[in-house]
């Protein structure tokens, strides 16, 4: 019985397919971790508290509150507070 022989073009194609699959899996994993599916919505009382802090001129405190309660990034929380 002779060993299985793989030619150079076939080996290159196989390597390309495996590499593409690995890259796709990495991209999929990164995207899945960035947007959790069962993240709770923003509570109404949180919106009221943040709006009140913003009205008092305490914008950084409002951003800190939103970040702490929701897990948003600094940028997202700042945008949220600025839109209130």
C-alpha atoms as a PDB file:
ATOM      1  CA  UNK A   1       0.000   0.000   0.000  1.00  0.00           C
ATOM      2  CA  UNK A   2       1.520   3.318  -1.000  1.00  0.00           C
ATOM      3  CA  UNK A   3       1.289   6.446   1.121  1.00  0.00           C
ATOM      4  CA  UNK A   4      -1.158   9.175   0.189  1.00  0.00           C
ATOM      5  CA  UNK A   5       0.575  11.711  -2.018  1.00  0.00           C
ATOM      6  CA  UNK A   6      -0.560  15.325  -2.048  1.00  0.00           C
ATOM      7  CA  UNK A   7       0.697  17.551  -4.846  1.00  0.00           C
ATOM      8  CA  UNK A   8       1.900  21.105  -4.301  1.00  0.00           C
ATOM      9  CA  UNK A   9      -1.202  22.834  -5.767  1.00  0.00           C
ATOM     10  CA  UNK A  10      -3.477  20.714  -3.592  1.00  0.00           C
ATOM     11  CA  UNK A  11      -1.393  21.462  -0.517  1.00  0.00           C
ATOM     12  CA  UNK A  12      -1.539  25.196  -1.214  1.00  0.00           C
ATOM     13  CA  UNK A  13      -5.311  25.076  -1.704  1.00  0.00           C
ATOM     14  CA  UNK A  14      -5.793  23.075   1.492  1.00  0.00           C
ATOM     15  CA  UNK A  15      -3.639  25.541   3.448  1.00  0.00           C
ATOM     16  CA  UNK A  16      -5.639  28.478   2.060  1.00  0.00           C
ATOM     17  CA  UNK A  17      -8.958  26.893   3.037  1.00  0.00           C
ATOM     18  CA  UNK A  18      -7.782  26.109   6.572  1.00  0.00           C
ATOM     19  CA  UNK A  19      -6.366  29.639   6.987  1.00  0.00           C
ATOM     20  CA  UNK A  20      -9.580  31.245   5.744  1.00  0.00           C
ATOM     21  CA  UNK A  21     -11.648  29.112   8.120  1.00  0.00           C
ATOM     22  CA  UNK A  22      -9.421  30.056  11.070  1.00  0.00           C
ATOM     23  CA  UNK A  23      -9.673  33.776  10.244  1.00  0.00           C
ATOM     24  CA  UNK A  24     -13.459  33.502   9.916  1.00  0.00           C
ATOM     25  CA  UNK A  25     -13.721  31.794  13.311  1.00  0.00           C
ATOM     26  CA  UNK A  26     -11.596  34.502  14.964  1.00  0.00           C
ATOM     27  CA  UNK A  27     -13.722  37.295  13.466  1.00  0.00           C
ATOM     28  CA  UNK A  28     -16.920  35.507  14.505  1.00  0.00           C
ATOM     29  CA  UNK A  29     -15.651  35.077  18.079  1.00  0.00           C
ATOM     30  CA  UNK A  30     -14.670  38.754  18.368  1.00  0.00           C
ATOM     31  CA  UNK A  31     -18.050  39.922  17.090  1.00  0.00           C
ATOM     32  CA  UNK A  32     -19.898  37.553  19.406  1.00  0.00           C
ATOM     33  CA  UNK A  33     -18.124  38.934  22.472  1.00  0.00           C
ATOM     34  CA  UNK A  34     -18.785  42.564  21.537  1.00  0.00           C
ATOM     35  CA  UNK A  35     -22.564  42.250  21.491  1.00  0.00           C
ATOM     36  CA  UNK A  36     -23.961  39.943  24.140  1.00  0.00           C
ATOM     37  CA  UNK A  37     -27.413  38.701  23.182  1.00  0.00           C
ATOM     38  CA  UNK A  38     -29.118  38.854  26.555  1.00  0.00           C
ATOM     39  CA  UNK A  39     -27.998  42.282  27.710  1.00  0.00           C
ATOM     40  CA  UNK A  40     -30.738  43.983  29.725  1.00  0.00           C
ATOM     41  CA  UNK A  41     -32.166  47.275  28.490  1.00  0.00           C
ATOM     42  CA  UNK A  42     -31.563  50.610  30.143  1.00  0.00           C
ATOM     43  CA  UNK A  43     -33.897  51.188  33.055  1.00  0.00           C
ATOM     44  CA  UNK A  44     -36.178  54.239  33.060  1.00  0.00           C
ATOM     45  CA  UNK A  45     -34.963  55.339  36.492  1.00  0.00           C
ATOM     46  CA  UNK A  46     -31.378  55.257  35.234  1.00  0.00           C
ATOM     47  CA  UNK A  47     -32.354  57.568  32.395  1.00  0.00           C
ATOM     48  CA  UNK A  48     -34.048  59.894  34.883  1.00  0.00           C
ATOM     49  CA  UNK A  49     -30.999  59.902  37.180  1.00  0.00           C
ATOM     50  CA  UNK A  50     -28.620  60.580  34.291  1.00  0.00           C
ATOM     51  CA  UNK A  51     -30.884  63.338  32.950  1.00  0.00           C
ATOM     52  CA  UNK A  52     -30.999  64.941  36.396  1.00  0.00           C
ATOM     53  CA  UNK A  53     -27.193  64.836  36.757  1.00  0.00           C
ATOM     54  CA  UNK A  54     -26.815  66.352  33.288  1.00  0.00           C
ATOM     55  CA  UNK A  55     -29.257  69.149  34.175  1.00  0.00           C
ATOM     56  CA  UNK A  56     -27.145  69.909  37.252  1.00  0.00           C
ATOM     57  CA  UNK A  57     -24.046  70.183  35.054  1.00  0.00           C
ATOM     58  CA  UNK A  58     -22.539  66.937  36.338  1.00  0.00           C
ATOM     59  CA  UNK A  59     -22.069  65.307  32.951  1.00  0.00           C
ATOM     60  CA  UNK A  60     -19.040  63.204  33.922  1.00  0.00           C
ATOM     61  CA  UNK A  61     -20.944  61.814  36.904  1.00  0.00           C
ATOM     62  CA  UNK A  62     -23.862  60.941  34.624  1.00  0.00           C
ATOM     63  CA  UNK A  63     -21.509  59.154  32.225  1.00  0.00           C
ATOM     64  CA  UNK A  64     -19.918  57.296  35.144  1.00  0.00           C
ATOM     65  CA  UNK A  65     -23.359  56.251  36.403  1.00  0.00           C
ATOM     66  CA  UNK A  66     -24.439  54.972  32.975  1.00  0.00           C
ATOM     67  CA  UNK A  67     -21.169  53.086  32.518  1.00  0.00           C
ATOM     68  CA  UNK A  68     -21.440  51.463  35.931  1.00  0.00           C
ATOM     69  CA  UNK A  69     -25.035  50.355  35.458  1.00  0.00           C
ATOM     70  CA  UNK A  70     -24.894  49.198  31.840  1.00  0.00           C
ATOM     71  CA  UNK A  71     -21.281  48.251  31.136  1.00  0.00           C
ATOM     72  CA  UNK A  72     -21.138  50.656  28.195  1.00  0.00           C
ATOM     73  CA  UNK A  73     -17.825  51.991  26.998  1.00  0.00           C
ATOM     74  CA  UNK A  74     -16.822  55.564  27.886  1.00  0.00           C
ATOM     75  CA  UNK A  75     -17.608  56.731  24.381  1.00  0.00           C
ATOM     76  CA  UNK A  76     -21.020  55.059  24.208  1.00  0.00           C
ATOM     77  CA  UNK A  77     -22.050  56.296  27.641  1.00  0.00           C
ATOM     78  CA  UNK A  78     -20.963  59.856  26.789  1.00  0.00           C
ATOM     79  CA  UNK A  79     -23.007  59.754  23.587  1.00  0.00           C
ATOM     80  CA  UNK A  80     -25.988  58.415  25.506  1.00  0.00           C
ATOM     81  CA  UNK A  81     -25.788  61.171  28.122  1.00  0.00           C
ATOM     82  CA  UNK A  82     -25.296  63.885  25.500  1.00  0.00           C
ATOM     83  CA  UNK A  83     -28.459  62.735  23.697  1.00  0.00           C
ATOM     84  CA  UNK A  84     -30.601  63.040  26.832  1.00  0.00           C
END
